[in-house]
C-alpha atoms as a PDB file:
ATOM      1  CA  MET A   1      -3.097  19.537 -17.849  1.00  0.00           C
ATOM      2  CA  ASP A   2      -0.094  17.395 -18.621  1.00  0.00           C
ATOM      3  CA  ALA A   3       0.391  14.877 -21.431  1.00  0.00           C
ATOM      4  CA  VAL A   4      -1.705  12.146 -19.798  1.00  0.00           C
ATOM      5  CA  GLY A   5      -4.667  14.429 -19.202  1.00  0.00           C
ATOM      6  CA  SER A   6      -4.495  14.794 -15.434  1.00  0.00           C
ATOM      7  CA  GLU A   7      -4.746  18.088 -13.641  1.00  0.00           C
ATOM      8  CA  ASP A   8      -1.997  19.737 -11.634  1.00  0.00           C
ATOM      9  CA  PRO A   9      -0.280  17.412  -9.137  1.00  0.00           C
ATOM     10  CA  ILE A  10      -1.496  17.501  -5.569  1.00  0.00           C
ATOM     11  CA  PRO A  11       1.153  19.092  -3.345  1.00  0.00           C
ATOM     12  CA  VAL A  12       2.653  16.983  -0.582  1.00  0.00           C
ATOM     13  CA  THR A  13       2.893  18.653   2.788  1.00  0.00           C
ATOM     14  CA  GLU A  14       5.425  17.884   5.495  1.00  0.00           C
ATOM     15  CA  GLY A  15       4.162  15.187   7.831  1.00  0.00           C
ATOM     16  CA  GLN A  16       1.612  13.869   5.328  1.00  0.00           C
ATOM     17  CA  PHE A  17       3.514  10.570   5.114  1.00  0.00           C
ATOM     18  CA  VAL A  18       5.309   8.417   7.667  1.00  0.00           C
ATOM     19  CA  THR A  19       7.949   5.755   7.219  1.00  0.00           C
ATOM     20  CA  LEU A  20       7.470   2.371   8.858  1.00  0.00           C
ATOM     21  CA  VAL A  21      10.680   0.334   9.116  1.00  0.00           C
ATOM     22  CA  SER A  22      10.736  -3.448   9.460  1.00  0.00           C
ATOM     23  CA  ASN A  23      13.265  -5.447  11.468  1.00  0.00           C
ATOM     24  CA  ASP A  24      15.131  -6.237   8.227  1.00  0.00           C
ATOM     25  CA  ASP A  25      15.355  -2.509   7.362  1.00  0.00           C
ATOM     26  CA  PHE A  26      12.748  -2.335   4.611  1.00  0.00           C
ATOM     27  CA  LYS A  27      11.031   1.045   4.630  1.00  0.00           C
ATOM     28  CA  PHE A  28       7.352   1.505   3.847  1.00  0.00           C
ATOM     29  CA  ILE A  29       6.171   5.043   3.217  1.00  0.00           C
ATOM     30  CA  VAL A  30       2.466   5.303   3.981  1.00  0.00           C
ATOM     31  CA  SER A  31       0.057   8.149   4.478  1.00  0.00           C
ATOM     32  CA  ARG A  32      -0.066   9.398   8.041  1.00  0.00           C
ATOM     33  CA  LYS A  33      -3.846   8.957   8.002  1.00  0.00           C
ATOM     34  CA  ALA A  34      -3.482   5.254   7.123  1.00  0.00           C
ATOM     35  CA  ALA A  35      -0.747   4.675   9.733  1.00  0.00           C
ATOM     36  CA  LEU A  36      -2.964   6.216  12.414  1.00  0.00           C
ATOM     37  CA  GLU A  37      -5.341   3.260  11.971  1.00  0.00           C
ATOM     38  CA  SER A  38      -2.946   1.594  14.417  1.00  0.00           C
ATOM     39  CA  GLY A  39      -3.431   2.649  18.016  1.00  0.00           C
ATOM     40  CA  THR A  40       0.241   1.985  18.741  1.00  0.00           C
ATOM     41  CA  VAL A  41       1.486   4.088  15.828  1.00  0.00           C
ATOM     42  CA  LYS A  42      -1.031   6.793  16.699  1.00  0.00           C
ATOM     43  CA  ASN A  43       0.324   6.997  20.249  1.00  0.00           C
ATOM     44  CA  MET A  44       3.904   7.116  18.999  1.00  0.00           C
ATOM     45  CA  LEU A  45       3.229   9.853  16.443  1.00  0.00           C
ATOM     46  CA  SER A  46       0.749  12.036  18.274  1.00  0.00           C
ATOM     47  CA  GLY A  47       0.695  11.046  21.921  1.00  0.00           C
ATOM     48  CA  PRO A  48       1.399  13.379  24.828  1.00  0.00           C
ATOM     49  CA  ALA A  49       4.913  11.952  25.276  1.00  0.00           C
ATOM     50  CA  MET A  50       7.640  13.250  23.018  1.00  0.00           C
ATOM     51  CA  PHE A  51       8.740  10.185  21.063  1.00  0.00           C
ATOM     52  CA  ASP A  52      11.604  10.479  18.567  1.00  0.00           C
ATOM     53  CA  GLU A  53       9.213   8.960  16.019  1.00  0.00           C
ATOM     54  CA  GLU A  54       7.034  12.065  16.195  1.00  0.00           C
ATOM     55  CA  ASP A  55       9.933  14.338  15.231  1.00  0.00           C
ATOM     56  CA  GLN A  56      11.255  12.083  12.474  1.00  0.00           C
ATOM     57  CA  ASN A  57       7.944  10.737  11.089  1.00  0.00           C
ATOM     58  CA  GLU A  58       9.569   7.297  11.161  1.00  0.00           C
ATOM     59  CA  VAL A  59       8.650   4.295  13.277  1.00  0.00           C
ATOM     60  CA  SER A  60      10.904   1.227  13.560  1.00  0.00           C
ATOM     61  CA  PHE A  61       9.512  -2.178  14.442  1.00  0.00           C
ATOM     62  CA  ARG A  62      12.263  -4.452  15.742  1.00  0.00           C
ATOM     63  CA  GLU A  63       9.931  -7.436  15.957  1.00  0.00           C
ATOM     64  CA  ILE A  64       8.100  -7.208  12.614  1.00  0.00           C
ATOM     65  CA  PRO A  65       9.679  -8.586   9.402  1.00  0.00           C
ATOM     66  CA  SER A  66       9.104  -6.847   6.066  1.00  0.00           C
ATOM     67  CA  HIS A  67       6.745  -9.477   4.624  1.00  0.00           C
ATOM     68  CA  VAL A  68       4.440  -8.962   7.623  1.00  0.00           C
ATOM     69  CA  LEU A  69       4.763  -5.162   7.732  1.00  0.00           C
ATOM     70  CA  GLU A  70       3.885  -5.006   4.034  1.00  0.00           C
ATOM     71  CA  ARG A  71       0.597  -6.807   4.722  1.00  0.00           C
ATOM     72  CA  VAL A  72      -0.012  -4.601   7.765  1.00  0.00           C
ATOM     73  CA  CYS A  73       0.382  -1.478   5.606  1.00  0.00           C
ATOM     74  CA  SER A  74      -2.097  -2.932   3.106  1.00  0.00           C
ATOM     75  CA  TYR A  75      -4.512  -3.539   5.960  1.00  0.00           C
ATOM     76  CA  PHE A  76      -4.190   0.073   7.172  1.00  0.00           C
ATOM     77  CA  TYR A  77      -5.380   1.289   3.766  1.00  0.00           C
ATOM     78  CA  TYR A  78      -8.107  -1.377   3.663  1.00  0.00           C
ATOM     79  CA  LYS A  79      -9.361  -0.356   7.108  1.00  0.00           C
ATOM     80  CA  MET A  80      -9.201   3.347   6.268  1.00  0.00           C
ATOM     81  CA  ARG A  81     -11.200   2.811   3.075  1.00  0.00           C
ATOM     82  CA  TYR A  82     -13.948   0.570   4.471  1.00  0.00           C
ATOM     83  CA  THR A  83     -14.498   1.931   7.991  1.00  0.00           C
ATOM     84  CA  ASN A  84     -17.973   3.503   8.050  1.00  0.00           C
ATOM     85  CA  SER A  85     -18.478   2.531   4.405  1.00  0.00           C
ATOM     86  CA  ASN A  86     -21.942   1.945   2.993  1.00  0.00           C
ATOM     87  CA  GLN A  87     -20.673  -0.344   0.259  1.00  0.00           C
ATOM     88  CA  GLU A  88     -20.121  -4.072   0.516  1.00  0.00           C
ATOM     89  CA  ILE A  89     -16.819  -4.762   2.246  1.00  0.00           C
ATOM     90  CA  PRO A  90     -14.600  -7.268   0.440  1.00  0.00           C
ATOM     91  CA  GLU A  91     -12.716  -9.889   2.385  1.00  0.00           C
ATOM     92  CA  PHE A  92      -9.168  -9.057   3.430  1.00  0.00           C
ATOM     93  CA  ALA A  93      -7.665 -12.400   2.454  1.00  0.00           C
ATOM     94  CA  ILE A  94      -4.972 -13.834   4.690  1.00  0.00           C
ATOM     95  CA  ALA A  95      -3.049 -16.957   3.742  1.00  0.00           C
ATOM     96  CA  PRO A  96      -2.927 -19.618   6.476  1.00  0.00           C
ATOM     97  CA  ASP A  97       0.876 -19.563   6.540  1.00  0.00           C
ATOM     98  CA  GLU A  98       0.927 -15.848   7.410  1.00  0.00           C
ATOM     99  CA  ALA A  99      -2.005 -15.789   9.829  1.00  0.00           C
ATOM    100  CA  LEU A 100      -0.062 -16.260  13.077  1.00  0.00           C
ATOM    101  CA  GLU A 101       2.538 -13.571  12.320  1.00  0.00           C
ATOM    102  CA  LEU A 102      -0.176 -11.127  11.222  1.00  0.00           C
ATOM    103  CA  LEU A 103      -2.210 -11.832  14.337  1.00  0.00           C
ATOM    104  CA  MET A 104       0.788 -11.108  16.551  1.00  0.00           C
ATOM    105  CA  ALA A 105       1.584  -7.894  14.623  1.00  0.00           C
ATOM    106  CA  ALA A 106      -2.054  -6.765  14.754  1.00  0.00           C
ATOM    107  CA  ASN A 107      -2.153  -7.379  18.502  1.00  0.00           C
ATOM    108  CA  PHE A 108       1.023  -5.344  19.038  1.00  0.00           C
ATOM    109  CA  LEU A 109      -0.096  -2.559  16.715  1.00  0.00           C
ATOM    110  CA  ASP A 110      -3.632  -2.401  18.118  1.00  0.00           C
ATOM    111  CA  ALA A 111      -4.961  -2.546  14.563  1.00  0.00           C
END
């Protein structure tokens, strides 16, 4: 145990995380499992075609700004946590001023 009382750190394996890049070059590092909540990302990272994204574990979105991609990443984790959950599912709050951009991103990402 270390000074804060936790056990040994969990090792990170190659390919456990992917980088999602917004159109303004912000990079979001998320777990591969969370990113695969998107059908589009899933196809790019593990589809039968050999996409460059699969080799690099990085996906660039030329049409999605960072403030939208940040919310999308949050939603991936939300969806991963509450899919098939027996507990009460809290609302994923979306502000009215971001609703249209998130809807368009969700449609593109098949999320």
